[in-house]
N, C-alpha and C. Protein backbone atom coordinates (compact mmCIF):
# COMPACT_ATOMS: atom_id res chain seq x y z
N MET A 1 16.19 -36.59 31.08
CA MET A 1 16.56 -35.21 31.39
C MET A 1 17.01 -34.46 30.13
N THR A 2 17.93 -35.04 29.35
CA THR A 2 18.44 -34.33 28.17
C THR A 2 17.45 -34.32 27.02
N ASP A 3 16.33 -35.06 27.12
CA ASP A 3 15.33 -35.06 26.05
C ASP A 3 14.70 -33.68 25.87
N LYS A 4 14.68 -32.87 26.92
CA LYS A 4 14.07 -31.55 26.85
C LYS A 4 15.07 -30.46 26.46
N LEU A 5 16.33 -30.79 26.46
CA LEU A 5 17.36 -29.82 26.07
C LEU A 5 17.55 -29.82 24.56
N VAL A 6 17.95 -28.68 24.02
CA VAL A 6 18.28 -28.61 22.59
C VAL A 6 19.76 -28.27 22.46
N PHE A 7 20.40 -28.84 21.46
CA PHE A 7 21.84 -28.71 21.28
C PHE A 7 22.14 -28.08 19.92
N PRO A 8 23.14 -27.20 19.82
CA PRO A 8 23.55 -26.72 18.51
C PRO A 8 23.94 -27.94 17.66
N THR A 9 23.39 -28.03 16.47
CA THR A 9 23.57 -29.21 15.62
C THR A 9 23.87 -28.79 14.19
N LEU A 10 24.79 -29.51 13.58
CA LEU A 10 25.16 -29.29 12.19
C LEU A 10 25.23 -30.64 11.52
N ALA A 11 24.61 -30.78 10.36
CA ALA A 11 24.64 -32.06 9.64
C ALA A 11 24.98 -31.81 8.18
N PHE A 12 25.74 -32.71 7.60
CA PHE A 12 26.09 -32.65 6.18
C PHE A 12 25.59 -33.92 5.51
N GLN A 13 25.10 -33.79 4.30
CA GLN A 13 24.79 -34.97 3.50
C GLN A 13 25.22 -34.64 2.07
N LEU A 14 26.07 -35.48 1.51
CA LEU A 14 26.64 -35.20 0.19
C LEU A 14 25.74 -35.74 -0.93
N ARG A 15 25.47 -34.87 -1.92
CA ARG A 15 24.67 -35.24 -3.10
C ARG A 15 25.42 -34.79 -4.35
N ASN A 16 25.20 -35.51 -5.46
CA ASN A 16 25.78 -35.04 -6.72
C ASN A 16 24.82 -34.05 -7.39
N GLU A 17 25.16 -33.58 -8.58
CA GLU A 17 24.35 -32.56 -9.25
C GLU A 17 22.95 -33.06 -9.63
N LYS A 18 22.74 -34.36 -9.64
CA LYS A 18 21.42 -34.93 -9.93
C LYS A 18 20.62 -35.19 -8.66
N GLY A 19 21.18 -34.86 -7.51
CA GLY A 19 20.51 -35.09 -6.24
C GLY A 19 20.65 -36.50 -5.70
N LEU A 20 21.51 -37.29 -6.31
CA LEU A 20 21.73 -38.66 -5.88
C LEU A 20 22.89 -38.71 -4.88
N PRO A 21 22.97 -39.77 -4.07
CA PRO A 21 24.07 -39.86 -3.11
C PRO A 21 25.43 -39.79 -3.81
N TYR A 22 26.31 -38.99 -3.25
CA TYR A 22 27.67 -38.83 -3.73
C TYR A 22 28.48 -40.01 -3.18
N ASP A 23 29.31 -40.60 -4.02
CA ASP A 23 30.17 -41.69 -3.53
C ASP A 23 31.01 -41.17 -2.38
N ILE A 24 31.08 -41.96 -1.32
CA ILE A 24 31.81 -41.52 -0.14
C ILE A 24 33.29 -41.31 -0.50
N PRO A 25 33.80 -40.10 -0.26
CA PRO A 25 35.20 -39.81 -0.60
C PRO A 25 36.16 -40.66 0.25
N ASP A 26 37.31 -40.97 -0.31
CA ASP A 26 38.32 -41.76 0.40
C ASP A 26 38.77 -41.06 1.69
N ASP A 27 38.75 -39.74 1.68
CA ASP A 27 39.23 -38.99 2.84
C ASP A 27 38.07 -38.44 3.68
N TRP A 28 36.89 -39.05 3.58
CA TRP A 28 35.70 -38.54 4.27
C TRP A 28 35.89 -38.52 5.79
N LEU A 29 36.40 -39.59 6.38
CA LEU A 29 36.62 -39.61 7.82
C LEU A 29 37.59 -38.50 8.23
N GLU A 30 38.66 -38.35 7.49
CA GLU A 30 39.64 -37.29 7.77
C GLU A 30 38.98 -35.91 7.71
N THR A 31 38.12 -35.70 6.72
CA THR A 31 37.41 -34.43 6.57
C THR A 31 36.47 -34.18 7.75
N VAL A 32 35.71 -35.21 8.11
CA VAL A 32 34.76 -35.10 9.23
C VAL A 32 35.51 -34.76 10.51
N LEU A 33 36.60 -35.46 10.78
CA LEU A 33 37.36 -35.21 12.00
C LEU A 33 38.02 -33.83 11.98
N SER A 34 38.41 -33.36 10.81
CA SER A 34 38.98 -32.02 10.68
C SER A 34 37.95 -30.95 11.03
N VAL A 35 36.73 -31.10 10.53
CA VAL A 35 35.65 -30.16 10.85
C VAL A 35 35.36 -30.20 12.35
N ALA A 36 35.26 -31.40 12.92
CA ALA A 36 34.99 -31.55 14.35
C ALA A 36 36.11 -30.93 15.18
N SER A 37 37.34 -31.13 14.78
CA SER A 37 38.48 -30.56 15.49
C SER A 37 38.46 -29.04 15.44
N PHE A 38 38.11 -28.49 14.29
CA PHE A 38 38.01 -27.03 14.14
C PHE A 38 36.96 -26.47 15.09
N ILE A 39 35.78 -27.09 15.11
CA ILE A 39 34.69 -26.63 15.98
C ILE A 39 35.09 -26.75 17.45
N ASN A 40 35.70 -27.88 17.82
CA ASN A 40 36.15 -28.08 19.19
C ASN A 40 37.17 -27.02 19.59
N GLY A 41 38.12 -26.75 18.71
CA GLY A 41 39.15 -25.75 19.00
C GLY A 41 38.59 -24.34 19.11
N LYS A 42 37.64 -24.01 18.25
CA LYS A 42 37.07 -22.67 18.25
C LYS A 42 36.19 -22.41 19.47
N TYR A 43 35.35 -23.40 19.82
CA TYR A 43 34.39 -23.19 20.89
C TYR A 43 34.76 -23.85 22.21
N LYS A 44 35.84 -24.63 22.22
CA LYS A 44 36.32 -25.29 23.45
C LYS A 44 35.18 -26.05 24.12
N CYS A 45 34.54 -26.92 23.35
CA CYS A 45 33.39 -27.67 23.87
C CYS A 45 33.47 -29.12 23.41
N GLY A 46 32.70 -29.96 24.07
CA GLY A 46 32.57 -31.33 23.61
C GLY A 46 31.77 -31.35 22.31
N ILE A 47 32.00 -32.36 21.51
CA ILE A 47 31.29 -32.46 20.24
C ILE A 47 30.99 -33.92 19.96
N ASP A 48 29.75 -34.21 19.61
CA ASP A 48 29.34 -35.55 19.22
C ASP A 48 29.42 -35.62 17.70
N VAL A 49 30.00 -36.69 17.19
CA VAL A 49 30.16 -36.85 15.75
C VAL A 49 29.50 -38.16 15.32
N VAL A 50 28.68 -38.06 14.29
CA VAL A 50 28.11 -39.24 13.65
C VAL A 50 28.78 -39.35 12.30
N TYR A 51 29.32 -40.51 12.01
CA TYR A 51 30.06 -40.73 10.77
C TYR A 51 29.51 -41.97 10.10
N GLY A 52 29.26 -41.90 8.81
CA GLY A 52 28.79 -43.07 8.09
C GLY A 52 27.80 -42.70 7.01
N LEU A 53 26.86 -43.58 6.77
CA LEU A 53 25.85 -43.38 5.74
C LEU A 53 24.48 -43.27 6.39
N ALA A 54 23.61 -42.42 5.85
CA ALA A 54 22.26 -42.25 6.37
C ALA A 54 21.31 -42.03 5.20
N SER A 55 20.07 -42.41 5.41
CA SER A 55 19.06 -42.22 4.36
C SER A 55 18.68 -40.74 4.25
N ARG A 56 18.08 -40.39 3.15
CA ARG A 56 17.59 -39.03 2.97
C ARG A 56 16.50 -38.74 3.99
N LYS A 57 15.65 -39.74 4.26
CA LYS A 57 14.57 -39.56 5.23
C LYS A 57 15.14 -39.23 6.61
N GLY A 58 16.20 -39.92 7.00
CA GLY A 58 16.83 -39.63 8.28
C GLY A 58 17.32 -38.20 8.37
N PHE A 59 17.91 -37.72 7.29
CA PHE A 59 18.40 -36.34 7.24
C PHE A 59 17.23 -35.36 7.34
N GLU A 60 16.13 -35.67 6.65
CA GLU A 60 14.95 -34.79 6.67
C GLU A 60 14.33 -34.74 8.07
N ILE A 61 14.37 -35.85 8.81
CA ILE A 61 13.88 -35.85 10.19
C ILE A 61 14.73 -34.91 11.04
N LEU A 62 16.04 -34.99 10.88
CA LEU A 62 16.94 -34.10 11.61
C LEU A 62 16.71 -32.64 11.22
N ASP A 63 16.51 -32.40 9.94
CA ASP A 63 16.25 -31.04 9.45
C ASP A 63 14.98 -30.48 10.06
N LYS A 64 13.94 -31.29 10.11
CA LYS A 64 12.65 -30.86 10.69
C LYS A 64 12.84 -30.54 12.18
N GLU A 65 13.54 -31.41 12.88
CA GLU A 65 13.79 -31.20 14.32
C GLU A 65 14.58 -29.91 14.54
N ALA A 66 15.62 -29.70 13.76
CA ALA A 66 16.46 -28.51 13.91
C ALA A 66 15.68 -27.24 13.63
N ASN A 67 14.83 -27.26 12.62
CA ASN A 67 14.04 -26.07 12.28
C ASN A 67 12.93 -25.81 13.29
N LYS A 68 12.40 -26.86 13.92
CA LYS A 68 11.37 -26.72 14.93
C LYS A 68 11.94 -26.05 16.18
N CYS A 69 13.16 -26.41 16.53
CA CYS A 69 13.77 -25.89 17.76
C CYS A 69 14.48 -24.56 17.53
N GLY A 70 14.82 -24.29 16.29
CA GLY A 70 15.60 -23.08 15.99
C GLY A 70 14.70 -21.93 15.83
């Protein structure tokens, strides 16, 4: 059922000035949860959070999906 629905989606991927993966900051989880809390508070909605490491290809798949639906 939810496969046909589209959801507002926001994704971040950190890169350095050379386009290489940025070392994960010590406070990354705190930052992610702060952004999620802000969005939840502003829009009073549920929010799904993915936290961790992902490949560039994975991000590009999400980007393609978001642009196709947007």
